[in-house]
Amino acid sequence: MIEPFNSKFLTPAKTFRRLSVLLAIHDSPHTSQHKIGQSTHLSSSMVNNYIKEFQTEGIINVEGKTNRTQSYHLTTSGQKELITSLLSYSAEIIQLYSAAKREVGERLHALESEGIRTVCLFGAAETAEVVYAATKGTNLQVVALVDSDPGKQGKAFNGLMIQAPESLRDVTADAVVITSFARQEEIHRHIQEIAGQKIKVKKLSDL
């Protein structure tokens, strides 16, 4: 299920809302409109409007006479729209990811100009994935990844093992790049408490 995320820049368009409802129906034909609304972050009345719209367009068939017995099934046209919309959505997300990676890569070149070649990433979240991918277009090498979350520590990340921040005492890297956009100052202080001044600390937002 594709779920909307809290975005300050991207507002879900009608095409996205249609895709969300179609996916919900595809995944659970016997679900209620209320549950479809919960999974797609839409009001029940808006879901009902889409259901009616889909029926009129011949995209879904509705079986059952009451809310409790009704089920929703994609027609051949519905299956076609679902696949077409999903492919278009995926292509758009990939374009956004590529644009973000290019922008981050340009910022990482600033580290190279300082003579930095090996880096440790602090924060094993989505941003770290983008930063790691962006380093492939630079001369930087990611030698370690740390995170304060015990639930992430010990797990694999692109061939690296996520370590606890205390491992910074033994990490051999030219700089630590904070890939988290939250609590950056707090993380900066924490790194300095652990590693002292022996390693440079860079915030992605400052590059």
N, C-alpha and C. Protein backbone atom coordinates (compact mmCIF):
# COMPACT_ATOMS: atom_id res chain seq x y z
N MET A 1 0.83 -1.20 0.00
CA MET A 1 0.00 0.00 0.00
C MET A 1 0.87 1.25 0.00
N ILE A 2 0.60 2.15 -0.92
CA ILE A 2 1.27 3.44 -0.96
C ILE A 2 0.48 4.39 -0.07
N GLU A 3 1.13 4.94 0.93
CA GLU A 3 0.46 5.85 1.83
C GLU A 3 1.04 7.25 1.68
N PRO A 4 0.19 8.28 1.77
CA PRO A 4 0.70 9.65 1.72
C PRO A 4 1.63 9.90 2.90
N PHE A 5 2.66 10.72 2.71
CA PHE A 5 3.54 11.07 3.80
C PHE A 5 3.39 12.56 4.09
N ASN A 6 3.82 12.95 5.30
CA ASN A 6 3.71 14.35 5.68
C ASN A 6 4.73 15.16 4.88
N SER A 7 4.26 15.89 3.91
CA SER A 7 5.15 16.65 3.03
C SER A 7 4.81 18.13 3.08
N LYS A 8 5.85 18.95 3.13
CA LYS A 8 5.66 20.40 3.11
C LYS A 8 5.72 20.93 1.69
N PHE A 9 6.17 20.10 0.75
CA PHE A 9 6.39 20.56 -0.61
C PHE A 9 5.50 19.86 -1.64
N LEU A 10 5.12 18.63 -1.38
CA LEU A 10 4.36 17.86 -2.36
C LEU A 10 2.96 17.57 -1.83
N THR A 11 1.96 18.14 -2.48
CA THR A 11 0.57 17.92 -2.09
C THR A 11 -0.01 16.82 -2.97
N PRO A 12 -0.58 15.76 -2.36
CA PRO A 12 -1.16 14.69 -3.17
C PRO A 12 -2.21 15.21 -4.16
N ALA A 13 -2.01 14.90 -5.42
CA ALA A 13 -2.96 15.32 -6.45
C ALA A 13 -4.09 14.28 -6.55
N LYS A 14 -5.08 14.60 -7.34
CA LYS A 14 -6.21 13.68 -7.50
C LYS A 14 -5.75 12.35 -8.07
N THR A 15 -4.77 12.39 -8.98
CA THR A 15 -4.27 11.14 -9.57
C THR A 15 -3.66 10.24 -8.50
N PHE A 16 -3.01 10.85 -7.50
CA PHE A 16 -2.44 10.07 -6.41
C PHE A 16 -3.54 9.49 -5.53
N ARG A 17 -4.56 10.28 -5.25
CA ARG A 17 -5.66 9.80 -4.40
C ARG A 17 -6.41 8.66 -5.10
N ARG A 18 -6.62 8.78 -6.41
CA ARG A 18 -7.26 7.69 -7.16
C ARG A 18 -6.41 6.42 -7.07
N LEU A 19 -5.12 6.58 -7.25
CA LEU A 19 -4.22 5.42 -7.17
C LEU A 19 -4.29 4.79 -5.79
N SER A 20 -4.31 5.59 -4.74
CA SER A 20 -4.36 5.07 -3.37
C SER A 20 -5.63 4.25 -3.14
N VAL A 21 -6.76 4.76 -3.62
CA VAL A 21 -8.03 4.04 -3.43
C VAL A 21 -8.04 2.76 -4.26
N LEU A 22 -7.55 2.82 -5.48
CA LEU A 22 -7.51 1.63 -6.33
C LEU A 22 -6.62 0.55 -5.71
N LEU A 23 -5.48 0.96 -5.13
CA LEU A 23 -4.59 0.00 -4.48
C LEU A 23 -5.26 -0.63 -3.26
N ALA A 24 -5.98 0.19 -2.51
CA ALA A 24 -6.67 -0.32 -1.33
C ALA A 24 -7.71 -1.36 -1.72
N ILE A 25 -8.42 -1.08 -2.81
CA ILE A 25 -9.43 -2.02 -3.29
C ILE A 25 -8.76 -3.29 -3.82
N HIS A 26 -7.69 -3.11 -4.56
CA HIS A 26 -6.96 -4.26 -5.10
C HIS A 26 -6.45 -5.17 -3.98
N ASP A 27 -5.92 -4.58 -2.91
CA ASP A 27 -5.33 -5.36 -1.82
C ASP A 27 -6.38 -5.99 -0.91
N SER A 28 -7.53 -5.31 -0.75
CA SER A 28 -8.57 -5.83 0.15
C SER A 28 -9.95 -5.55 -0.43
N PRO A 29 -10.41 -6.39 -1.36
CA PRO A 29 -11.71 -6.15 -2.01
C PRO A 29 -12.88 -6.09 -1.04
N HIS A 30 -12.78 -6.78 0.10
CA HIS A 30 -13.90 -6.84 1.04
C HIS A 30 -13.78 -5.81 2.16
N THR A 31 -12.89 -4.86 2.02
CA THR A 31 -12.73 -3.84 3.04
C THR A 31 -13.86 -2.82 2.96
N SER A 32 -14.05 -2.08 4.03
CA SER A 32 -15.11 -1.07 4.06
C SER A 32 -14.57 0.27 3.56
N GLN A 33 -15.48 1.15 3.21
CA GLN A 33 -15.06 2.48 2.78
C GLN A 33 -14.35 3.22 3.91
N HIS A 34 -14.79 2.97 5.14
CA HIS A 34 -14.15 3.60 6.29
C HIS A 34 -12.69 3.18 6.40
N LYS A 35 -12.43 1.88 6.21
CA LYS A 35 -11.05 1.39 6.30
C LYS A 35 -10.21 1.87 5.11
N ILE A 36 -10.85 1.98 3.94
CA ILE A 36 -10.14 2.54 2.78
C ILE A 36 -9.70 3.97 3.11
N GLY A 37 -10.61 4.72 3.75
CA GLY A 37 -10.30 6.09 4.13
C GLY A 37 -9.14 6.15 5.10
N GLN A 38 -9.10 5.22 6.05
CA GLN A 38 -8.02 5.20 7.03
C GLN A 38 -6.67 4.92 6.38
N SER A 39 -6.65 3.97 5.45
CA SER A 39 -5.38 3.58 4.83
C SER A 39 -4.89 4.60 3.80
N THR A 40 -5.82 5.39 3.24
CA THR A 40 -5.44 6.37 2.22
C THR A 40 -5.42 7.80 2.76
N HIS A 41 -5.76 7.98 4.04
CA HIS A 41 -5.81 9.29 4.67
C HIS A 41 -6.85 10.19 4.01
N LEU A 42 -7.95 9.59 3.58
CA LEU A 42 -9.04 10.34 2.98
C LEU A 42 -10.28 10.21 3.85
N SER A 43 -11.17 11.19 3.75
CA SER A 43 -12.43 11.11 4.49
C SER A 43 -13.32 10.05 3.86
N SER A 44 -14.24 9.52 4.66
CA SER A 44 -15.16 8.50 4.15
C SER A 44 -16.01 9.05 3.00
N SER A 45 -16.38 10.33 3.10
CA SER A 45 -17.21 10.93 2.05
C SER A 45 -16.41 11.05 0.74
N MET A 46 -15.11 11.35 0.85
CA MET A 46 -14.30 11.44 -0.36
C MET A 46 -14.11 10.07 -0.98
N VAL A 47 -13.91 9.04 -0.14
CA VAL A 47 -13.79 7.67 -0.64
C VAL A 47 -15.07 7.28 -1.36
N ASN A 48 -16.21 7.63 -0.77
CA ASN A 48 -17.50 7.30 -1.38
C ASN A 48 -17.63 7.97 -2.74
N ASN A 49 -17.15 9.20 -2.86
CA ASN A 49 -17.21 9.91 -4.15
C ASN A 49 -16.36 9.20 -5.19
N TYR A 50 -15.16 8.73 -4.77
CA TYR A 50 -14.30 8.01 -5.71
C TYR A 50 -14.92 6.68 -6.12
N ILE A 51 -15.54 5.99 -5.17
CA ILE A 51 -16.20 4.72 -5.48
C ILE A 51 -17.27 4.93 -6.55
N LYS A 52 -18.08 5.97 -6.37
CA LYS A 52 -19.13 6.29 -7.35
C LYS A 52 -18.51 6.66 -8.70
N GLU A 53 -17.43 7.42 -8.64
CA GLU A 53 -16.75 7.84 -9.87
C GLU A 53 -16.19 6.63 -10.61
N PHE A 54 -15.59 5.70 -9.86
CA PHE A 54 -15.04 4.50 -10.47
C PHE A 54 -16.12 3.63 -11.09
N GLN A 55 -17.27 3.56 -10.40
CA GLN A 55 -18.39 2.78 -10.95
C GLN A 55 -18.86 3.36 -12.27
N THR A 56 -19.01 4.68 -12.29
CA THR A 56 -19.48 5.36 -13.50
C THR A 56 -18.51 5.14 -14.67
N GLU A 57 -17.21 5.10 -14.35
CA GLU A 57 -16.18 4.93 -15.38
C GLU A 57 -15.97 3.46 -15.75
N GLY A 58 -16.64 2.57 -15.04
CA GLY A 58 -16.48 1.15 -15.33
C GLY A 58 -15.16 0.59 -14.84
N ILE A 59 -14.57 1.24 -13.84
CA ILE A 59 -13.28 0.81 -13.30
C ILE A 59 -13.44 -0.25 -12.21
N ILE A 60 -14.56 -0.19 -11.47
CA ILE A 60 -14.81 -1.19 -10.43
C ILE A 60 -16.24 -1.69 -10.53
N ASN A 61 -16.46 -2.88 -10.00
CA ASN A 61 -17.79 -3.43 -9.79
C ASN A 61 -18.03 -3.53 -8.29
N VAL A 62 -19.23 -3.17 -7.86
CA VAL A 62 -19.58 -3.26 -6.44
C VAL A 62 -20.57 -4.39 -6.26
N GLU A 63 -20.26 -5.32 -5.38
CA GLU A 63 -21.14 -6.44 -5.09
C GLU A 63 -21.64 -6.34 -3.65
N GLY A 64 -22.88 -6.78 -3.41
CA GLY A 64 -23.47 -6.70 -2.08
C GLY A 64 -24.41 -5.52 -1.98
N LYS A 65 -25.39 -5.64 -1.10
CA LYS A 65 -26.43 -4.61 -1.01
C LYS A 65 -26.27 -3.68 0.18
N THR A 66 -25.55 -4.09 1.20
CA THR A 66 -25.38 -3.24 2.38
C THR A 66 -23.90 -2.93 2.58
N ASN A 67 -23.64 -1.94 3.44
CA ASN A 67 -22.25 -1.56 3.71
C ASN A 67 -21.43 -2.72 4.26
N ARG A 68 -22.10 -3.59 5.03
CA ARG A 68 -21.39 -4.71 5.65
C ARG A 68 -21.09 -5.83 4.66
N THR A 69 -21.92 -5.94 3.63
CA THR A 69 -21.75 -7.05 2.69
C THR A 69 -21.09 -6.62 1.38
N GLN A 70 -20.93 -5.31 1.19
CA GLN A 70 -20.38 -4.83 -0.08
C GLN A 70 -18.90 -5.17 -0.23
N SER A 71 -18.54 -5.48 -1.46
CA SER A 71 -17.13 -5.68 -1.79
C SER A 71 -16.87 -5.01 -3.12
N TYR A 72 -15.61 -4.66 -3.34
CA TYR A 72 -15.24 -3.87 -4.52
C TYR A 72 -14.22 -4.65 -5.33
N HIS A 73 -14.44 -4.69 -6.64
CA HIS A 73 -13.57 -5.50 -7.50
C HIS A 73 -13.18 -4.70 -8.74
N LEU A 74 -11.89 -4.68 -9.04
CA LEU A 74 -11.41 -3.97 -10.21
C LEU A 74 -11.83 -4.70 -11.48
N THR A 75 -12.31 -3.95 -12.44
CA THR A 75 -12.61 -4.51 -13.75
C THR A 75 -11.31 -4.57 -14.56
N THR A 76 -11.39 -5.06 -15.78
CA THR A 76 -10.21 -5.07 -16.65
C THR A 76 -9.69 -3.66 -16.86
N SER A 77 -10.61 -2.71 -17.04
CA SER A 77 -10.21 -1.31 -17.19
C SER A 77 -9.57 -0.79 -15.91
N GLY A 78 -10.10 -1.24 -14.77
CA GLY A 78 -9.55 -0.83 -13.48
C GLY A 78 -8.14 -1.35 -13.28
N GLN A 79 -7.92 -2.60 -13.65
CA GLN A 79 -6.59 -3.19 -13.54
C GLN A 79 -5.60 -2.42 -14.42
N LYS A 80 -6.05 -2.05 -15.62
CA LYS A 80 -5.19 -1.31 -16.54
C LYS A 80 -4.83 0.05 -15.97
N GLU A 81 -5.82 0.76 -15.41
CA GLU A 81 -5.54 2.08 -14.84
C GLU A 81 -4.60 1.95 -13.64
N LEU A 82 -4.81 0.93 -12.83
CA LEU A 82 -3.96 0.73 -11.66
C LEU A 82 -2.50 0.56 -12.08
N ILE A 83 -2.25 -0.30 -13.04
CA ILE A 83 -0.88 -0.56 -13.49
C ILE A 83 -0.27 0.69 -14.11
N THR A 84 -1.05 1.37 -14.98
CA THR A 84 -0.55 2.57 -15.64
C THR A 84 -0.22 3.66 -14.63
N SER A 85 -1.12 3.86 -13.66
CA SER A 85 -0.90 4.89 -12.64
C SER A 85 0.28 4.54 -11.74
N LEU A 86 0.40 3.26 -11.40
CA LEU A 86 1.49 2.83 -10.52
C LEU A 86 2.85 3.03 -11.21
N LEU A 87 2.91 2.72 -12.50
CA LEU A 87 4.15 2.90 -13.24
C LEU A 87 4.51 4.39 -13.35
N SER A 88 3.51 5.23 -13.60
CA SER A 88 3.76 6.67 -13.70
C SER A 88 4.21 7.23 -12.35
N TYR A 89 3.56 6.77 -11.29
CA TYR A 89 3.93 7.22 -9.94
C TYR A 89 5.37 6.81 -9.63
N SER A 90 5.71 5.58 -9.94
CA SER A 90 7.06 5.08 -9.67
C SER A 90 8.10 5.87 -10.45
N ALA A 91 7.81 6.17 -11.71
CA ALA A 91 8.73 6.94 -12.54
C ALA A 91 8.94 8.34 -11.96
N GLU A 92 7.87 8.93 -11.45
CA GLU A 92 7.98 10.28 -10.88
C GLU A 92 8.80 10.27 -9.60
N ILE A 93 8.61 9.26 -8.76
CA ILE A 93 9.37 9.15 -7.51
C ILE A 93 10.85 8.96 -7.82
N ILE A 94 11.16 8.15 -8.83
CA ILE A 94 12.56 7.92 -9.22
C ILE A 94 13.19 9.22 -9.71
N GLN A 95 12.44 10.02 -10.45
CA GLN A 95 12.96 11.30 -10.92
C GLN A 95 13.26 12.23 -9.74
N LEU A 96 12.38 12.25 -8.75
CA LEU A 96 12.60 13.07 -7.56
C LEU A 96 13.82 12.58 -6.79
N TYR A 97 13.96 11.26 -6.69
CA TYR A 97 15.12 10.68 -6.00
C TYR A 97 16.41 11.06 -6.72
N SER A 98 16.40 10.96 -8.04
CA SER A 98 17.58 11.30 -8.83
C SER A 98 17.96 12.76 -8.66
N ALA A 99 16.95 13.63 -8.63
CA ALA A 99 17.20 15.06 -8.45
C ALA A 99 17.81 15.33 -7.08
N ALA A 100 17.28 14.66 -6.06
CA ALA A 100 17.81 14.83 -4.70
C ALA A 100 19.24 14.33 -4.62
N LYS A 101 19.51 13.21 -5.26
CA LYS A 101 20.86 12.63 -5.24
C LYS A 101 21.86 13.56 -5.92
N ARG A 102 21.45 14.17 -7.04
CA ARG A 102 22.34 15.10 -7.74
C ARG A 102 22.65 16.31 -6.86
N GLU A 103 21.62 16.84 -6.19
CA GLU A 103 21.81 18.01 -5.33
C GLU A 103 22.74 17.67 -4.17
N VAL A 104 22.53 16.53 -3.55
CA VAL A 104 23.39 16.12 -2.43
C VAL A 104 24.81 15.90 -2.92
N GLY A 105 24.95 15.29 -4.10
CA GLY A 105 26.28 15.05 -4.67
C GLY A 105 27.05 16.33 -4.86
N GLU A 106 26.36 17.37 -5.34
CA GLU A 106 27.02 18.67 -5.54
C GLU A 106 27.50 19.23 -4.21
N ARG A 107 26.70 19.03 -3.15
CA ARG A 107 27.09 19.52 -1.83
C ARG A 107 28.27 18.72 -1.28
N LEU A 108 28.31 17.44 -1.59
CA LEU A 108 29.40 16.60 -1.07
C LEU A 108 30.74 16.98 -1.67
N HIS A 109 30.72 17.57 -2.86
CA HIS A 109 31.98 17.98 -3.49
C HIS A 109 32.70 19.03 -2.63
N ALA A 110 31.93 19.74 -1.79
CA ALA A 110 32.55 20.72 -0.89
C ALA A 110 33.47 20.04 0.09
N LEU A 111 33.14 18.80 0.48
CA LEU A 111 34.00 18.05 1.39
C LEU A 111 35.31 17.68 0.70
N GLU A 112 35.22 17.32 -0.57
CA GLU A 112 36.43 16.96 -1.32
C GLU A 112 37.39 18.14 -1.40
N SER A 113 36.84 19.34 -1.54
CA SER A 113 37.70 20.53 -1.65
C SER A 113 38.46 20.79 -0.35
N GLU A 114 38.00 20.19 0.75
CA GLU A 114 38.69 20.33 2.03
C GLU A 114 39.69 19.21 2.25
N GLY A 115 39.83 18.34 1.27
CA GLY A 115 40.77 17.24 1.40
C GLY A 115 40.19 16.01 2.08
N ILE A 116 38.89 16.03 2.32
CA ILE A 116 38.23 14.89 2.96
C ILE A 116 38.00 13.79 1.94
N ARG A 117 38.33 12.57 2.30
CA ARG A 117 38.17 11.44 1.40
C ARG A 117 37.36 10.29 2.02
N THR A 118 37.45 10.12 3.33
CA THR A 118 36.69 9.07 4.00
C THR A 118 35.73 9.69 5.00
N VAL A 119 34.50 9.20 4.99
CA VAL A 119 33.48 9.77 5.87
C VAL A 119 32.71 8.68 6.60
N CYS A 120 32.19 9.06 7.76
CA CYS A 120 31.27 8.22 8.52
C CYS A 120 29.94 8.94 8.54
N LEU A 121 28.87 8.25 8.26
CA LEU A 121 27.54 8.85 8.26
C LEU A 121 26.89 8.64 9.62
N PHE A 122 26.26 9.69 10.14
CA PHE A 122 25.55 9.59 11.43
C PHE A 122 24.06 9.73 11.14
N GLY A 123 23.32 8.63 11.31
CA GLY A 123 21.88 8.63 11.06
C GLY A 123 21.52 7.68 9.95
N ALA A 124 21.00 6.51 10.33
CA ALA A 124 20.68 5.47 9.33
C ALA A 124 19.22 5.54 8.93
N ALA A 125 18.86 6.63 8.24
CA ALA A 125 17.49 6.80 7.77
C ALA A 125 17.49 7.02 6.26
N GLU A 126 16.37 7.50 5.72
CA GLU A 126 16.24 7.65 4.27
C GLU A 126 17.29 8.60 3.70
N THR A 127 17.61 9.67 4.45
CA THR A 127 18.59 10.62 3.96
C THR A 127 19.95 9.97 3.78
N ALA A 128 20.30 9.07 4.69
CA ALA A 128 21.59 8.37 4.59
C ALA A 128 21.64 7.54 3.31
N GLU A 129 20.51 6.98 2.90
CA GLU A 129 20.46 6.21 1.65
C GLU A 129 20.82 7.11 0.46
N VAL A 130 20.25 8.33 0.47
CA VAL A 130 20.51 9.27 -0.62
C VAL A 130 21.98 9.71 -0.60
N VAL A 131 22.49 10.03 0.60
CA VAL A 131 23.88 10.47 0.72
C VAL A 131 24.83 9.37 0.27
N TYR A 132 24.56 8.14 0.72
CA TYR A 132 25.43 7.02 0.35
C TYR A 132 25.46 6.85 -1.17
N ALA A 133 24.29 6.92 -1.79
CA ALA A 133 24.22 6.78 -3.25
C ALA A 133 24.95 7.94 -3.94
N ALA A 134 24.83 9.15 -3.37
CA ALA A 134 25.45 10.32 -3.97
C ALA A 134 26.97 10.26 -3.90
N THR A 135 27.52 9.60 -2.90
CA THR A 135 28.99 9.52 -2.77
C THR A 135 29.60 8.73 -3.93
N LYS A 136 28.79 7.91 -4.60
CA LYS A 136 29.32 7.12 -5.72
C LYS A 136 29.76 8.00 -6.88
N GLY A 137 29.25 9.23 -6.90
CA GLY A 137 29.65 10.15 -7.95
C GLY A 137 30.75 11.09 -7.51
N THR A 138 31.37 10.79 -6.36
CA THR A 138 32.46 11.62 -5.84
C THR A 138 33.66 10.73 -5.54
N ASN A 139 34.69 11.34 -4.96
CA ASN A 139 35.86 10.58 -4.53
C ASN A 139 35.77 10.20 -3.05
N LEU A 140 34.61 10.42 -2.46
CA LEU A 140 34.41 10.10 -1.05
C LEU A 140 34.11 8.62 -0.86
N GLN A 141 34.57 8.09 0.26
CA GLN A 141 34.27 6.70 0.60
C GLN A 141 33.61 6.66 1.98
N VAL A 142 32.46 6.01 2.04
CA VAL A 142 31.78 5.83 3.33
C VAL A 142 32.38 4.61 4.01
N VAL A 143 33.02 4.83 5.16
CA VAL A 143 33.71 3.74 5.85
C VAL A 143 32.94 3.23 7.06
N ALA A 144 31.92 3.99 7.50
CA ALA A 144 31.15 3.55 8.67
C ALA A 144 29.82 4.28 8.72
N LEU A 145 28.88 3.69 9.44
CA LEU A 145 27.56 4.30 9.64
C LEU A 145 27.16 4.07 11.09
N VAL A 146 26.78 5.13 11.77
CA VAL A 146 26.37 5.01 13.17
C VAL A 146 24.97 5.57 13.36
N ASP A 147 24.30 5.09 14.39
CA ASP A 147 22.96 5.58 14.70
C ASP A 147 22.71 5.37 16.19
N SER A 148 21.99 6.31 16.79
CA SER A 148 21.72 6.24 18.23
C SER A 148 20.61 5.25 18.58
N ASP A 149 19.86 4.80 17.59
CA ASP A 149 18.74 3.89 17.82
C ASP A 149 19.25 2.45 17.99
N PRO A 150 19.11 1.88 19.20
CA PRO A 150 19.57 0.50 19.42
C PRO A 150 18.90 -0.51 18.49
N GLY A 151 17.67 -0.18 18.04
CA GLY A 151 16.95 -1.09 17.15
C GLY A 151 17.58 -1.19 15.77
N LYS A 152 18.37 -0.19 15.38
CA LYS A 152 19.02 -0.21 14.08
C LYS A 152 20.44 -0.77 14.15
N GLN A 153 21.04 -0.67 15.32
CA GLN A 153 22.43 -1.10 15.49
C GLN A 153 22.57 -2.60 15.26
N GLY A 154 23.61 -2.98 14.53
CA GLY A 154 23.85 -4.38 14.21
C GLY A 154 23.22 -4.83 12.91
N LYS A 155 22.40 -3.96 12.30
CA LYS A 155 21.77 -4.30 11.03
C LYS A 155 22.64 -3.85 9.86
N ALA A 156 22.44 -4.50 8.72
CA ALA A 156 23.26 -4.20 7.53
C ALA A 156 22.72 -2.99 6.80
N PHE A 157 23.64 -2.23 6.21
CA PHE A 157 23.29 -1.05 5.42
C PHE A 157 24.30 -0.93 4.29
N ASN A 158 23.89 -1.32 3.09
CA ASN A 158 24.77 -1.21 1.91
C ASN A 158 26.17 -1.77 2.17
N GLY A 159 26.23 -2.93 2.76
CA GLY A 159 27.51 -3.58 2.99
C GLY A 159 28.19 -3.16 4.28
N LEU A 160 27.62 -2.20 4.99
CA LEU A 160 28.16 -1.76 6.27
C LEU A 160 27.26 -2.24 7.40
N MET A 161 27.83 -2.34 8.60
CA MET A 161 27.04 -2.69 9.77
C MET A 161 26.77 -1.41 10.56
N ILE A 162 25.52 -1.14 10.87
CA ILE A 162 25.18 0.05 11.64
C ILE A 162 25.71 -0.11 13.06
N GLN A 163 26.49 0.87 13.51
CA GLN A 163 27.14 0.79 14.80
C GLN A 163 26.60 1.85 15.76
N ALA A 164 26.89 1.66 17.04
CA ALA A 164 26.52 2.65 18.05
C ALA A 164 27.44 3.85 17.94
N PRO A 165 27.00 5.03 18.35
CA PRO A 165 27.84 6.24 18.26
C PRO A 165 29.18 6.09 18.97
N GLU A 166 29.24 5.26 20.03
CA GLU A 166 30.48 5.08 20.78
C GLU A 166 31.61 4.52 19.91
N SER A 167 31.24 3.89 18.80
CA SER A 167 32.26 3.32 17.90
C SER A 167 33.07 4.40 17.22
N LEU A 168 32.63 5.67 17.30
CA LEU A 168 33.36 6.77 16.68
C LEU A 168 34.75 6.93 17.29
N ARG A 169 34.93 6.43 18.51
CA ARG A 169 36.24 6.51 19.14
C ARG A 169 37.29 5.73 18.35
N ASP A 170 36.83 4.70 17.64
CA ASP A 170 37.76 3.83 16.93
C ASP A 170 37.67 3.94 15.42
N VAL A 171 36.70 4.71 14.93
CA VAL A 171 36.53 4.83 13.48
C VAL A 171 37.63 5.70 12.88
N THR A 172 38.20 5.23 11.80
CA THR A 172 39.21 6.02 11.08
C THR A 172 38.54 6.66 9.88
N ALA A 173 38.20 7.93 10.03
CA ALA A 173 37.54 8.67 8.96
C ALA A 173 37.97 10.13 9.04
N ASP A 174 37.94 10.81 7.91
CA ASP A 174 38.32 12.22 7.89
C ASP A 174 37.23 13.11 8.47
N ALA A 175 35.97 12.64 8.37
CA ALA A 175 34.87 13.47 8.86
C ALA A 175 33.63 12.61 9.12
N VAL A 176 32.79 13.13 10.00
CA VAL A 176 31.47 12.54 10.24
C VAL A 176 30.45 13.47 9.60
N VAL A 177 29.58 12.92 8.76
CA VAL A 177 28.53 13.70 8.13
C VAL A 177 27.21 13.36 8.81
N ILE A 178 26.59 14.36 9.41
CA ILE A 178 25.29 14.15 10.07
C ILE A 178 24.21 14.14 9.00
N THR A 179 23.62 12.99 8.76
CA THR A 179 22.62 12.86 7.70
C THR A 179 21.20 13.02 8.23
N SER A 180 21.06 13.23 9.54
CA SER A 180 19.75 13.49 10.12
C SER A 180 19.49 15.00 10.12
N PHE A 181 18.28 15.41 9.75
CA PHE A 181 17.94 16.83 9.76
C PHE A 181 17.33 17.25 11.09
N ALA A 182 17.05 16.28 11.95
CA ALA A 182 16.50 16.58 13.26
C ALA A 182 17.61 16.51 14.31
N ARG A 183 17.55 17.39 15.30
CA ARG A 183 18.45 17.39 16.44
C ARG A 183 19.93 17.46 16.02
N GLN A 184 20.22 18.23 14.98
CA GLN A 184 21.58 18.28 14.46
C GLN A 184 22.58 18.82 15.48
N GLU A 185 22.19 19.89 16.18
CA GLU A 185 23.11 20.47 17.16
C GLU A 185 23.38 19.49 18.30
N GLU A 186 22.33 18.80 18.72
CA GLU A 186 22.48 17.80 19.79
C GLU A 186 23.40 16.67 19.34
N ILE A 187 23.22 16.22 18.11
CA ILE A 187 24.07 15.15 17.57
C ILE A 187 25.51 15.63 17.46
N HIS A 188 25.67 16.88 17.02
CA HIS A 188 27.02 17.46 16.89
C HIS A 188 27.74 17.43 18.23
N ARG A 189 27.05 17.87 19.27
CA ARG A 189 27.66 17.87 20.61
C ARG A 189 27.98 16.46 21.07
N HIS A 190 27.08 15.53 20.76
CA HIS A 190 27.27 14.13 21.17
C HIS A 190 28.51 13.54 20.51
N ILE A 191 28.71 13.86 19.24
CA ILE A 191 29.89 13.35 18.52
C ILE A 191 31.16 13.90 19.15
N GLN A 192 31.15 15.18 19.46
CA GLN A 192 32.33 15.79 20.05
C GLN A 192 32.63 15.23 21.44
N GLU A 193 31.56 14.89 22.18
CA GLU A 193 31.76 14.29 23.50
C GLU A 193 32.44 12.92 23.38
N ILE A 194 32.11 12.20 22.30
CA ILE A 194 32.66 10.85 22.11
C ILE A 194 34.05 10.90 21.48
N ALA A 195 34.18 11.64 20.40
CA ALA A 195 35.42 11.63 19.62
C ALA A 195 36.31 12.83 19.85
N GLY A 196 35.83 13.82 20.59
CA GLY A 196 36.63 15.01 20.81
C GLY A 196 36.82 15.78 19.51
N GLN A 197 38.01 16.36 19.33
CA GLN A 197 38.29 17.17 18.15
C GLN A 197 39.07 16.41 17.09
N LYS A 198 39.23 15.09 17.29
CA LYS A 198 40.08 14.32 16.37
C LYS A 198 39.45 14.11 15.00
N ILE A 199 38.15 14.39 14.88
CA ILE A 199 37.46 14.16 13.62
C ILE A 199 36.55 15.35 13.31
N LYS A 200 36.51 15.75 12.03
CA LYS A 200 35.65 16.86 11.63
C LYS A 200 34.19 16.41 11.64
N VAL A 201 33.30 17.32 11.96
CA VAL A 201 31.87 17.03 11.95
C VAL A 201 31.20 17.98 10.97
N LYS A 202 30.48 17.42 10.03
CA LYS A 202 29.81 18.21 9.00
C LYS A 202 28.32 17.92 9.02
N LYS A 203 27.52 19.00 8.97
CA LYS A 203 26.08 18.85 8.86
C LYS A 203 25.69 18.99 7.39
N LEU A 204 24.89 18.07 6.93
CA LEU A 204 24.49 18.07 5.51
C LEU A 204 23.84 19.41 5.14
N SER A 205 23.11 19.99 6.07
CA SER A 205 22.41 21.24 5.79
C SER A 205 23.35 22.42 5.64
N ASP A 206 24.59 22.27 6.09
CA ASP A 206 25.56 23.37 6.02
C ASP A 206 26.49 23.27 4.81
N LEU A 207 26.44 22.15 4.09
CA LEU A 207 27.35 21.98 2.96
C LEU A 207 26.96 22.87 1.77
